[in-house]
Amino acid sequence: MQAPQSLEALVQHIQSCYKDLSPQFQIAARYLIDHPTQVSILSMRKISALAGVQPATLVRLAQHLGYAGWEPLKSVFNRQLRMVPGGYADRAQALVADHPSESADWIRGTQAQSANLLALGAANARAMPEAVERLHRARRLHIAGFRSSHPAAFSLKYLCSLFRPDVYLLDNTAGTLDQDLRHLGPEDTIVLISFAPYSREVRQITEAARRQSCPIIALCDSKLAPVAIEAACVLTFTTHSGSFFPSTVAAQGLVEVLAQQLLVRAGARAVQGLAHAEAQLHDSGAYL
């Protein structure tokens, strides 16, 4: 088999053979995928020290994956790094410098958001049915998204709560996330929404899910996202933006489609629950 030449192809290859790797190879592979920028800029010895493996392990892993050695493997990460845009402030500066008063800029921004939405179908055509089935069969749904991903997570929780009672939002209010994670079980499912740069809570949730055998459905910007490596199913969205900040429009669109498909899969029972919830909202005076 030819060695993968893109980071996306590499992570898919590692995911497919991860369970068959030796423990040391698993440690090394996980570190490489979780820290692609470090792989690009640090030496092999530094990477091995940070990962907690010997330098020779990285060389043997590269060869096991089909590369002649470490440098050809590292070049895949180097190519990806050149594609990564700058930080928020850098993009904001470029935005102001290049287009200080051009009124058409907002139109280009909406066009980028529309393209992100259009990409959802092709990106998730295969994974969506599996994600819906897993969520439908779950005893309880735990939904999480932090910082910029929180609005999409809250929307999904709100929409699903309209037709099923077993939906919970995982957050870190008052630093109590660890207490909520104690209640995870193998019959539950977590929906974890995240995009780069990834919040530290993502790792906390994935580690807890692994310990308690609770499957994760990842909604993220890449199959290289830290949460995607161990997720049972991955749905992706793009965050391309003409602004200084990644666009969250596609993430919001994805959760709305996911909620819709969950309702359809649940059928008459979900429709009945939705009608009951809607009636209660009107009767309680929640709406003007």
C-alpha atoms as a PDB file:
ATOM      1  CA  MET A   1       0.000   0.000   0.000  1.00  0.00           C
ATOM      2  CA  GLN A   2       1.261   3.464  -0.914  1.00  0.00           C
ATOM      3  CA  ALA A   3       1.974   5.740   2.024  1.00  0.00           C
ATOM      4  CA  PRO A   4      -0.702   8.448   2.512  1.00  0.00           C
ATOM      5  CA  GLN A   5       0.331  11.795   1.053  1.00  0.00           C
ATOM      6  CA  SER A   6      -2.168  14.034   2.831  1.00  0.00           C
ATOM      7  CA  LEU A   7      -2.864  14.449   6.518  1.00  0.00           C
ATOM      8  CA  GLU A   8      -6.513  13.572   6.002  1.00  0.00           C
ATOM      9  CA  ALA A   9      -5.567  10.296   4.297  1.00  0.00           C
ATOM     10  CA  LEU A  10      -2.967   9.573   6.972  1.00  0.00           C
ATOM     11  CA  VAL A  11      -5.401   9.900   9.856  1.00  0.00           C
ATOM     12  CA  GLN A  12      -7.932   7.696   8.068  1.00  0.00           C
ATOM     13  CA  HIS A  13      -5.226   5.065   7.604  1.00  0.00           C
ATOM     14  CA  ILE A  14      -4.216   5.270  11.263  1.00  0.00           C
ATOM     15  CA  GLN A  15      -7.839   5.053  12.378  1.00  0.00           C
ATOM     16  CA  SER A  16      -8.361   1.924  10.300  1.00  0.00           C
ATOM     17  CA  CYS A  17      -5.342   0.101  11.736  1.00  0.00           C
ATOM     18  CA  TYR A  18      -5.109   1.699  15.192  1.00  0.00           C
ATOM     19  CA  LYS A  19      -6.377  -1.313  17.116  1.00  0.00           C
ATOM     20  CA  ASP A  20      -3.744  -3.538  15.493  1.00  0.00           C
ATOM     21  CA  LEU A  21      -0.810  -1.287  16.368  1.00  0.00           C
ATOM     22  CA  SER A  22       1.505  -2.147  19.229  1.00  0.00           C
ATOM     23  CA  PRO A  23       0.996  -0.135  22.456  1.00  0.00           C
ATOM     24  CA  GLN A  24       4.072   1.997  21.727  1.00  0.00           C
ATOM     25  CA  PHE A  25       2.927   2.645  18.158  1.00  0.00           C
ATOM     26  CA  GLN A  26      -0.508   3.625  19.475  1.00  0.00           C
ATOM     27  CA  ILE A  27       1.020   6.145  21.881  1.00  0.00           C
ATOM     28  CA  ALA A  28       3.176   7.633  19.132  1.00  0.00           C
ATOM     29  CA  ALA A  29       0.406   7.711  16.521  1.00  0.00           C
ATOM     30  CA  ARG A  30      -2.034   9.368  18.885  1.00  0.00           C
ATOM     31  CA  TYR A  31       0.480  12.059  19.770  1.00  0.00           C
ATOM     32  CA  LEU A  32       1.239  12.772  16.101  1.00  0.00           C
ATOM     33  CA  ILE A  33      -2.408  13.137  15.191  1.00  0.00           C
ATOM     34  CA  ASP A  34      -3.245  15.208  18.273  1.00  0.00           C
ATOM     35  CA  HIS A  35      -0.306  17.607  17.777  1.00  0.00           C
ATOM     36  CA  PRO A  36       0.180  18.128  14.017  1.00  0.00           C
ATOM     37  CA  THR A  37       1.721  21.589  14.415  1.00  0.00           C
ATOM     38  CA  GLN A  38       4.370  20.300  16.834  1.00  0.00           C
ATOM     39  CA  VAL A  39       5.279  17.514  14.412  1.00  0.00           C
ATOM     40  CA  SER A  40       5.943  20.163  11.766  1.00  0.00           C
ATOM     41  CA  ILE A  41       8.153  22.456  13.829  1.00  0.00           C
ATOM     42  CA  LEU A  42       9.928  20.247  16.390  1.00  0.00           C
ATOM     43  CA  SER A  43      12.710  17.709  15.993  1.00  0.00           C
ATOM     44  CA  MET A  44      12.070  13.997  16.078  1.00  0.00           C
ATOM     45  CA  ARG A  45      13.857  13.695  19.427  1.00  0.00           C
ATOM     46  CA  LYS A  46      11.719  16.441  20.970  1.00  0.00           C
ATOM     47  CA  ILE A  47       8.532  14.853  19.610  1.00  0.00           C
ATOM     48  CA  SER A  48       9.537  11.460  21.000  1.00  0.00           C
ATOM     49  CA  ALA A  49      10.245  12.982  24.418  1.00  0.00           C
ATOM     50  CA  LEU A  50       6.892  14.749  24.503  1.00  0.00           C
ATOM     51  CA  ALA A  51       5.087  11.612  23.371  1.00  0.00           C
ATOM     52  CA  GLY A  52       6.926   9.433  25.879  1.00  0.00           C
ATOM     53  CA  VAL A  53       8.421   7.020  23.344  1.00  0.00           C
ATOM     54  CA  GLN A  54      11.892   6.372  21.945  1.00  0.00           C
ATOM     55  CA  PRO A  55      12.978   8.164  18.725  1.00  0.00           C
ATOM     56  CA  ALA A  56      13.393   4.769  17.085  1.00  0.00           C
ATOM     57  CA  THR A  57       9.693   4.135  17.703  1.00  0.00           C
ATOM     58  CA  LEU A  58       8.792   7.097  15.500  1.00  0.00           C
ATOM     59  CA  VAL A  59      11.042   5.805  12.733  1.00  0.00           C
ATOM     60  CA  ARG A  60       9.566   2.304  12.922  1.00  0.00           C
ATOM     61  CA  LEU A  61       6.026   3.716  13.005  1.00  0.00           C
ATOM     62  CA  ALA A  62       6.719   5.752   9.875  1.00  0.00           C
ATOM     63  CA  GLN A  63       8.023   2.636   8.129  1.00  0.00           C
ATOM     64  CA  HIS A  64       5.052   0.608   9.342  1.00  0.00           C
ATOM     65  CA  LEU A  65       2.750   3.205   7.755  1.00  0.00           C
ATOM     66  CA  GLY A  66       4.530   2.852   4.434  1.00  0.00           C
ATOM     67  CA  TYR A  67       7.101   5.669   4.529  1.00  0.00           C
ATOM     68  CA  ALA A  68      10.828   5.267   3.987  1.00  0.00           C
ATOM     69  CA  GLY A  69      11.494   6.931   7.342  1.00  0.00           C
ATOM     70  CA  TRP A  70      10.615   9.811   9.630  1.00  0.00           C
ATOM     71  CA  GLU A  71      11.265  12.699   7.229  1.00  0.00           C
ATOM     72  CA  PRO A  72       8.767  11.562   4.542  1.00  0.00           C
ATOM     73  CA  LEU A  73       6.145  11.185   7.265  1.00  0.00           C
ATOM     74  CA  LYS A  74       6.960  14.608   8.707  1.00  0.00           C
ATOM     75  CA  SER A  75       6.647  16.181   5.253  1.00  0.00           C
ATOM     76  CA  VAL A  76       2.944  15.298   5.261  1.00  0.00           C
ATOM     77  CA  PHE A  77       2.508  17.410   8.402  1.00  0.00           C
ATOM     78  CA  ASN A  78       4.642  20.191   6.905  1.00  0.00           C
ATOM     79  CA  ARG A  79       2.352  20.466   3.888  1.00  0.00           C
ATOM     80  CA  GLN A  80      -0.691  20.687   6.123  1.00  0.00           C
ATOM     81  CA  LEU A  81       0.900  23.401   8.278  1.00  0.00           C
ATOM     82  CA  ARG A  82       1.430  25.600   5.214  1.00  0.00           C
ATOM     83  CA  MET A  83      -2.326  25.417   4.578  1.00  0.00           C
ATOM     84  CA  VAL A  84      -3.336  26.566   8.066  1.00  0.00           C
ATOM     85  CA  PRO A  85      -4.406  30.239   8.229  1.00  0.00           C
ATOM     86  CA  GLY A  86      -2.969  32.644  10.763  1.00  0.00           C
ATOM     87  CA  GLY A  87      -4.439  33.564  14.120  1.00  0.00           C
ATOM     88  CA  TYR A  88      -7.519  35.694  14.659  1.00  0.00           C
ATOM     89  CA  ALA A  89      -5.569  38.932  15.061  1.00  0.00           C
ATOM     90  CA  ASP A  90      -3.505  38.249  11.915  1.00  0.00           C
ATOM     91  CA  ARG A  91      -6.640  37.658   9.859  1.00  0.00           C
ATOM     92  CA  ALA A  92      -8.324  40.727  11.324  1.00  0.00           C
ATOM     93  CA  GLN A  93      -5.321  42.870  10.433  1.00  0.00           C
ATOM     94  CA  ALA A  94      -5.322  41.552   6.871  1.00  0.00           C
ATOM     95  CA  LEU A  95      -9.066  42.161   6.629  1.00  0.00           C
ATOM     96  CA  VAL A  96      -8.746  45.789   7.700  1.00  0.00           C
ATOM     97  CA  ALA A  97      -5.655  46.454   5.587  1.00  0.00           C
ATOM     98  CA  ASP A  98      -6.977  44.899   2.387  1.00  0.00           C
ATOM     99  CA  HIS A  99     -10.580  46.064   2.582  1.00  0.00           C
ATOM    100  CA  PRO A 100     -10.838  49.175   4.743  1.00  0.00           C
ATOM    101  CA  SER A 101     -14.130  50.390   3.278  1.00  0.00           C
ATOM    102  CA  GLU A 102     -15.290  47.996   0.578  1.00  0.00           C
ATOM    103  CA  SER A 103     -19.043  47.542   0.997  1.00  0.00           C
ATOM    104  CA  ALA A 104     -19.085  44.239  -0.930  1.00  0.00           C
ATOM    105  CA  ASP A 105     -17.029  42.453   1.743  1.00  0.00           C
ATOM    106  CA  TRP A 106     -20.102  41.335   3.645  1.00  0.00           C
ATOM    107  CA  ILE A 107     -21.455  39.728   0.462  1.00  0.00           C
ATOM    108  CA  ARG A 108     -18.289  37.657   0.077  1.00  0.00           C
ATOM    109  CA  GLY A 109     -18.662  36.656   3.717  1.00  0.00           C
ATOM    110  CA  THR A 110     -22.164  35.317   3.147  1.00  0.00           C
ATOM    111  CA  GLN A 111     -20.946  33.479   0.051  1.00  0.00           C
ATOM    112  CA  ALA A 112     -18.288  31.711   2.135  1.00  0.00           C
ATOM    113  CA  GLN A 113     -20.921  30.737   4.684  1.00  0.00           C
ATOM    114  CA  SER A 114     -23.213  29.439   1.939  1.00  0.00           C
ATOM    115  CA  ALA A 115     -20.364  27.311   0.563  1.00  0.00           C
ATOM    116  CA  ASN A 116     -19.788  25.856   4.033  1.00  0.00           C
ATOM    117  CA  LEU A 117     -23.450  24.860   4.221  1.00  0.00           C
ATOM    118  CA  LEU A 118     -23.436  23.336   0.743  1.00  0.00           C
ATOM    119  CA  ALA A 119     -20.427  21.192   1.681  1.00  0.00           C
ATOM    120  CA  LEU A 120     -22.310  19.478   4.521  1.00  0.00           C
ATOM    121  CA  GLY A 121     -24.193  17.059   2.289  1.00  0.00           C
ATOM    122  CA  ALA A 122     -21.247  15.536   0.483  1.00  0.00           C
ATOM    123  CA  ALA A 123     -19.107  15.451   3.615  1.00  0.00           C
ATOM    124  CA  ASN A 124     -21.653  13.555   5.708  1.00  0.00           C
ATOM    125  CA  ALA A 125     -23.726  11.489   3.298  1.00  0.00           C
ATOM    126  CA  ARG A 126     -22.290   8.207   4.556  1.00  0.00           C
ATOM    127  CA  ALA A 127     -21.868   9.026   8.235  1.00  0.00           C
ATOM    128  CA  MET A 128     -25.214  10.735   8.900  1.00  0.00           C
ATOM    129  CA  PRO A 129     -27.393   7.572   8.881  1.00  0.00           C
ATOM    130  CA  GLU A 130     -25.018   5.836  11.303  1.00  0.00           C
ATOM    131  CA  ALA A 131     -24.934   8.853  13.615  1.00  0.00           C
ATOM    132  CA  VAL A 132     -28.726   9.098  13.640  1.00  0.00           C
ATOM    133  CA  GLU A 133     -29.130   5.397  14.376  1.00  0.00           C
ATOM    134  CA  ARG A 134     -26.645   5.488  17.239  1.00  0.00           C
ATOM    135  CA  LEU A 135     -28.301   8.521  18.793  1.00  0.00           C
ATOM    136  CA  HIS A 136     -31.760   7.048  18.342  1.00  0.00           C
ATOM    137  CA  ARG A 137     -30.785   3.878  20.213  1.00  0.00           C
ATOM    138  CA  ALA A 138     -28.921   5.670  23.026  1.00  0.00           C
ATOM    139  CA  ARG A 139     -30.424   5.539  26.502  1.00  0.00           C
ATOM    140  CA  ARG A 140     -29.393   9.141  27.142  1.00  0.00           C
ATOM    141  CA  LEU A 141     -27.831  11.853  24.988  1.00  0.00           C
ATOM    142  CA  HIS A 142     -25.090  14.029  26.462  1.00  0.00           C
ATOM    143  CA  ILE A 143     -24.248  17.045  24.311  1.00  0.00           C
ATOM    144  CA  ALA A 144     -21.162  19.221  24.726  1.00  0.00           C
ATOM    145  CA  GLY A 145     -19.545  22.161  23.013  1.00  0.00           C
ATOM    146  CA  PHE A 146     -17.313  24.786  24.565  1.00  0.00           C
ATOM    147  CA  ARG A 147     -16.477  28.384  23.753  1.00  0.00           C
ATOM    148  CA  SER A 148     -17.506  29.048  20.124  1.00  0.00           C
ATOM    149  CA  SER A 149     -18.999  25.565  19.835  1.00  0.00           C
ATOM    150  CA  HIS A 150     -21.346  26.109  22.777  1.00  0.00           C
ATOM    151  CA  PRO A 151     -24.180  27.775  20.791  1.00  0.00           C
ATOM    152  CA  ALA A 152     -24.408  24.795  18.422  1.00  0.00           C
ATOM    153  CA  ALA A 153     -24.356  22.376  21.357  1.00  0.00           C
ATOM    154  CA  PHE A 154     -27.080  24.303  23.166  1.00  0.00           C
ATOM    155  CA  SER A 155     -29.202  24.400  19.987  1.00  0.00           C
ATOM    156  CA  LEU A 156     -28.937  20.654  19.532  1.00  0.00           C
ATOM    157  CA  LYS A 157     -29.858  20.047  23.163  1.00  0.00           C
ATOM    158  CA  TYR A 158     -32.810  22.427  22.941  1.00  0.00           C
ATOM    159  CA  LEU A 159     -34.153  20.949  19.699  1.00  0.00           C
ATOM    160  CA  CYS A 160     -33.815  17.342  20.820  1.00  0.00           C
ATOM    161  CA  SER A 161     -35.366  18.124  24.203  1.00  0.00           C
ATOM    162  CA  LEU A 162     -38.555  19.156  22.410  1.00  0.00           C
ATOM    163  CA  PHE A 163     -39.286  15.556  21.451  1.00  0.00           C
ATOM    164  CA  ARG A 164     -37.275  13.341  23.808  1.00  0.00           C
ATOM    165  CA  PRO A 165     -36.722  13.739  27.570  1.00  0.00           C
ATOM    166  CA  ASP A 166     -33.311  12.086  27.924  1.00  0.00           C
ATOM    167  CA  VAL A 167     -31.084  14.879  26.592  1.00  0.00           C
ATOM    168  CA  TYR A 168     -28.481  16.612  28.774  1.00  0.00           C
ATOM    169  CA  LEU A 169     -25.999  19.413  28.201  1.00  0.00           C
ATOM    170  CA  LEU A 170     -22.470  18.857  29.474  1.00  0.00           C
ATOM    171  CA  ASP A 171     -20.888  22.154  30.461  1.00  0.00           C
ATOM    172  CA  ASN A 172     -18.324  23.334  32.953  1.00  0.00           C
ATOM    173  CA  THR A 173     -20.445  25.643  35.076  1.00  0.00           C
ATOM    174  CA  ALA A 174     -18.602  26.301  38.353  1.00  0.00           C
ATOM    175  CA  GLY A 175     -15.950  23.792  37.263  1.00  0.00           C
ATOM    176  CA  THR A 176     -18.230  20.790  37.777  1.00  0.00           C
ATOM    177  CA  LEU A 177     -17.749  19.015  34.451  1.00  0.00           C
ATOM    178  CA  ASP A 178     -15.992  16.096  36.136  1.00  0.00           C
ATOM    179  CA  GLN A 179     -19.075  15.461  38.286  1.00  0.00           C
ATOM    180  CA  ASP A 180     -21.339  15.240  35.245  1.00  0.00           C
ATOM    181  CA  LEU A 181     -18.922  12.886  33.497  1.00  0.00           C
ATOM    182  CA  ARG A 182     -19.152  10.374  36.348  1.00  0.00           C
ATOM    183  CA  HIS A 183     -22.662   9.465  35.207  1.00  0.00           C
ATOM    184  CA  LEU A 184     -21.711   8.361  31.685  1.00  0.00           C
ATOM    185  CA  GLY A 185     -22.489   4.773  30.752  1.00  0.00           C
ATOM    186  CA  PRO A 186     -21.977   2.436  27.791  1.00  0.00           C
ATOM    187  CA  GLU A 187     -25.648   2.730  26.821  1.00  0.00           C
ATOM    188  CA  ASP A 188     -25.390   6.532  26.588  1.00  0.00           C
ATOM    189  CA  THR A 189     -23.951   8.533  23.710  1.00  0.00           C
ATOM    190  CA  ILE A 190     -22.069  11.829  23.739  1.00  0.00           C
ATOM    191  CA  VAL A 191     -22.349  14.377  20.943  1.00  0.00           C
ATOM    192  CA  LEU A 192     -19.186  16.464  21.121  1.00  0.00           C
ATOM    193  CA  ILE A 193     -18.937  19.573  18.947  1.00  0.00           C
ATOM    194  CA  SER A 194     -15.558  21.199  18.425  1.00  0.00           C
ATOM    195  CA  PHE A 195     -13.352  22.997  15.905  1.00  0.00           C
ATOM    196  CA  ALA A 196      -9.808  24.324  15.935  1.00  0.00           C
ATOM    197  CA  PRO A 197      -8.380  25.606  18.184  1.00  0.00           C
ATOM    198  CA  TYR A 198      -9.852  22.873  20.361  1.00  0.00           C
ATOM    199  CA  SER A 199     -10.903  23.582  23.945  1.00  0.00           C
ATOM    200  CA  ARG A 200      -9.156  21.635  26.681  1.00  0.00           C
ATOM    201  CA  GLU A 201     -12.466  20.220  27.920  1.00  0.00           C
ATOM    202  CA  VAL A 202     -12.577  18.076  24.764  1.00  0.00           C
ATOM    203  CA  ARG A 203      -9.746  15.930  26.070  1.00  0.00           C
ATOM    204  CA  GLN A 204     -11.382  15.644  29.491  1.00  0.00           C
ATOM    205  CA  ILE A 205     -14.589  14.353  27.930  1.00  0.00           C
ATOM    206  CA  THR A 206     -12.912  11.915  25.551  1.00  0.00           C
ATOM    207  CA  GLU A 207     -10.821  10.440  28.366  1.00  0.00           C
ATOM    208  CA  ALA A 208     -13.892   9.991  30.571  1.00  0.00           C
ATOM    209  CA  ALA A 209     -15.829   8.447  27.693  1.00  0.00           C
ATOM    210  CA  ARG A 210     -13.001   5.975  27.081  1.00  0.00           C
ATOM    211  CA  ARG A 211     -12.870   4.951  30.733  1.00  0.00           C
ATOM    212  CA  GLN A 212     -16.616   4.399  30.905  1.00  0.00           C
ATOM    213  CA  SER A 213     -17.047   2.870  27.433  1.00  0.00           C
ATOM    214  CA  CYS A 214     -19.414   5.640  26.364  1.00  0.00           C
ATOM    215  CA  PRO A 215     -19.429   6.161  22.569  1.00  0.00           C
ATOM    216  CA  ILE A 216     -18.885   9.602  21.074  1.00  0.00           C
ATOM    217  CA  ILE A 217     -20.440  11.142  17.976  1.00  0.00           C
ATOM    218  CA  ALA A 218     -18.010  13.876  16.928  1.00  0.00           C
ATOM    219  CA  LEU A 219     -19.161  16.976  15.077  1.00  0.00           C
ATOM    220  CA  CYS A 220     -15.927  18.716  14.152  1.00  0.00           C
ATOM    221  CA  ASP A 221     -14.004  20.522  11.443  1.00  0.00           C
ATOM    222  CA  SER A 222     -11.757  17.616  10.475  1.00  0.00           C
ATOM    223  CA  LYS A 223     -11.271  13.919  10.955  1.00  0.00           C
ATOM    224  CA  LEU A 224      -7.919  15.000  12.395  1.00  0.00           C
ATOM    225  CA  ALA A 225      -9.640  16.714  15.315  1.00  0.00           C
ATOM    226  CA  PRO A 226      -8.603  15.250  18.680  1.00  0.00           C
ATOM    227  CA  VAL A 227     -12.135  14.049  19.348  1.00  0.00           C
ATOM    228  CA  ALA A 228     -12.409  12.304  15.970  1.00  0.00           C
ATOM    229  CA  ILE A 229      -9.676   9.746  16.610  1.00  0.00           C
ATOM    230  CA  GLU A 230     -11.676   7.741  19.120  1.00  0.00           C
ATOM    231  CA  ALA A 231     -15.180   8.710  18.041  1.00  0.00           C
ATOM    232  CA  ALA A 232     -17.607   5.995  17.019  1.00  0.00           C
ATOM    233  CA  CYS A 233     -18.854   8.227  14.219  1.00  0.00           C
ATOM    234  CA  VAL A 234     -17.663  11.555  12.796  1.00  0.00           C
ATOM    235  CA  LEU A 235     -19.680  14.301  11.100  1.00  0.00           C
ATOM    236  CA  THR A 236     -17.686  17.208   9.711  1.00  0.00           C
ATOM    237  CA  PHE A 237     -18.328  20.853   8.903  1.00  0.00           C
ATOM    238  CA  THR A 238     -16.106  23.567   7.475  1.00  0.00           C
ATOM    239  CA  THR A 239     -15.332  26.887   9.131  1.00  0.00           C
ATOM    240  CA  HIS A 240     -14.023  28.881   6.154  1.00  0.00           C
ATOM    241  CA  SER A 241     -14.649  32.549   6.656  1.00  0.00           C
ATOM    242  CA  GLY A 242     -13.892  35.891   5.075  1.00  0.00           C
ATOM    243  CA  SER A 243     -13.780  37.386   8.550  1.00  0.00           C
ATOM    244  CA  PHE A 244     -11.261  37.246  11.386  1.00  0.00           C
ATOM    245  CA  PHE A 245     -13.007  34.329  13.125  1.00  0.00           C
ATOM    246  CA  PRO A 246     -13.933  30.848  11.879  1.00  0.00           C
ATOM    247  CA  SER A 247     -17.520  30.625  10.693  1.00  0.00           C
ATOM    248  CA  THR A 248     -19.918  28.639  12.900  1.00  0.00           C
ATOM    249  CA  VAL A 249     -22.765  28.725  10.382  1.00  0.00           C
ATOM    250  CA  ALA A 250     -22.141  25.200   9.086  1.00  0.00           C
ATOM    251  CA  ALA A 251     -21.894  23.795  12.615  1.00  0.00           C
ATOM    252  CA  GLN A 252     -25.301  25.282  13.395  1.00  0.00           C
ATOM    253  CA  GLY A 253     -26.689  23.960  10.126  1.00  0.00           C
ATOM    254  CA  LEU A 254     -25.364  20.492  10.867  1.00  0.00           C
ATOM    255  CA  VAL A 255     -26.987  20.276  14.304  1.00  0.00           C
ATOM    256  CA  GLU A 256     -30.328  21.410  12.878  1.00  0.00           C
ATOM    257  CA  VAL A 257     -30.191  18.693  10.224  1.00  0.00           C
ATOM    258  CA  LEU A 258     -29.154  16.136  12.831  1.00  0.00           C
ATOM    259  CA  ALA A 259     -32.081  17.059  15.087  1.00  0.00           C
ATOM    260  CA  GLN A 260     -34.428  16.842  12.112  1.00  0.00           C
ATOM    261  CA  GLN A 261     -33.185  13.389  11.188  1.00  0.00           C
ATOM    262  CA  LEU A 262     -33.491  12.193  14.783  1.00  0.00           C
ATOM    263  CA  LEU A 263     -37.112  13.308  14.827  1.00  0.00           C
ATOM    264  CA  VAL A 264     -37.808  11.494  11.561  1.00  0.00           C
ATOM    265  CA  ARG A 265     -36.110   8.321  12.827  1.00  0.00           C
ATOM    266  CA  ALA A 266     -38.142   8.345  16.065  1.00  0.00           C
ATOM    267  CA  GLY A 267     -41.367   8.758  14.102  1.00  0.00           C
ATOM    268  CA  ALA A 268     -44.827   9.099  15.641  1.00  0.00           C
ATOM    269  CA  ARG A 269     -43.589   8.953  19.215  1.00  0.00           C
ATOM    270  CA  ALA A 270     -41.306  11.970  18.649  1.00  0.00           C
ATOM    271  CA  VAL A 271     -44.068  13.892  16.908  1.00  0.00           C
ATOM    272  CA  GLN A 272     -46.332  13.250  19.882  1.00  0.00           C
ATOM    273  CA  GLY A 273     -43.644  14.445  22.290  1.00  0.00           C
ATOM    274  CA  LEU A 274     -43.071  17.556  20.205  1.00  0.00           C
ATOM    275  CA  ALA A 275     -46.776  18.372  20.151  1.00  0.00           C
ATOM    276  CA  HIS A 276     -46.955  17.963  23.929  1.00  0.00           C
ATOM    277  CA  ALA A 277     -43.908  20.217  24.477  1.00  0.00           C
ATOM    278  CA  GLU A 278     -45.269  22.857  22.125  1.00  0.00           C
ATOM    279  CA  ALA A 279     -48.645  22.876  23.878  1.00  0.00           C
ATOM    280  CA  GLN A 280     -46.952  23.291  27.255  1.00  0.00           C
ATOM    281  CA  LEU A 281     -44.895  26.218  25.976  1.00  0.00           C
ATOM    282  CA  HIS A 282     -48.043  28.013  24.804  1.00  0.00           C
ATOM    283  CA  ASP A 283     -50.015  27.181  27.937  1.00  0.00           C
ATOM    284  CA  SER A 284     -47.230  28.393  30.227  1.00  0.00           C
ATOM    285  CA  GLY A 285     -47.056  31.771  28.539  1.00  0.00           C
ATOM    286  CA  ALA A 286     -43.520  31.190  27.275  1.00  0.00           C
ATOM    287  CA  TYR A 287     -44.501  32.809  23.956  1.00  0.00           C
ATOM    288  CA  LEU A 288     -46.032  36.286  23.567  1.00  0.00           C
END
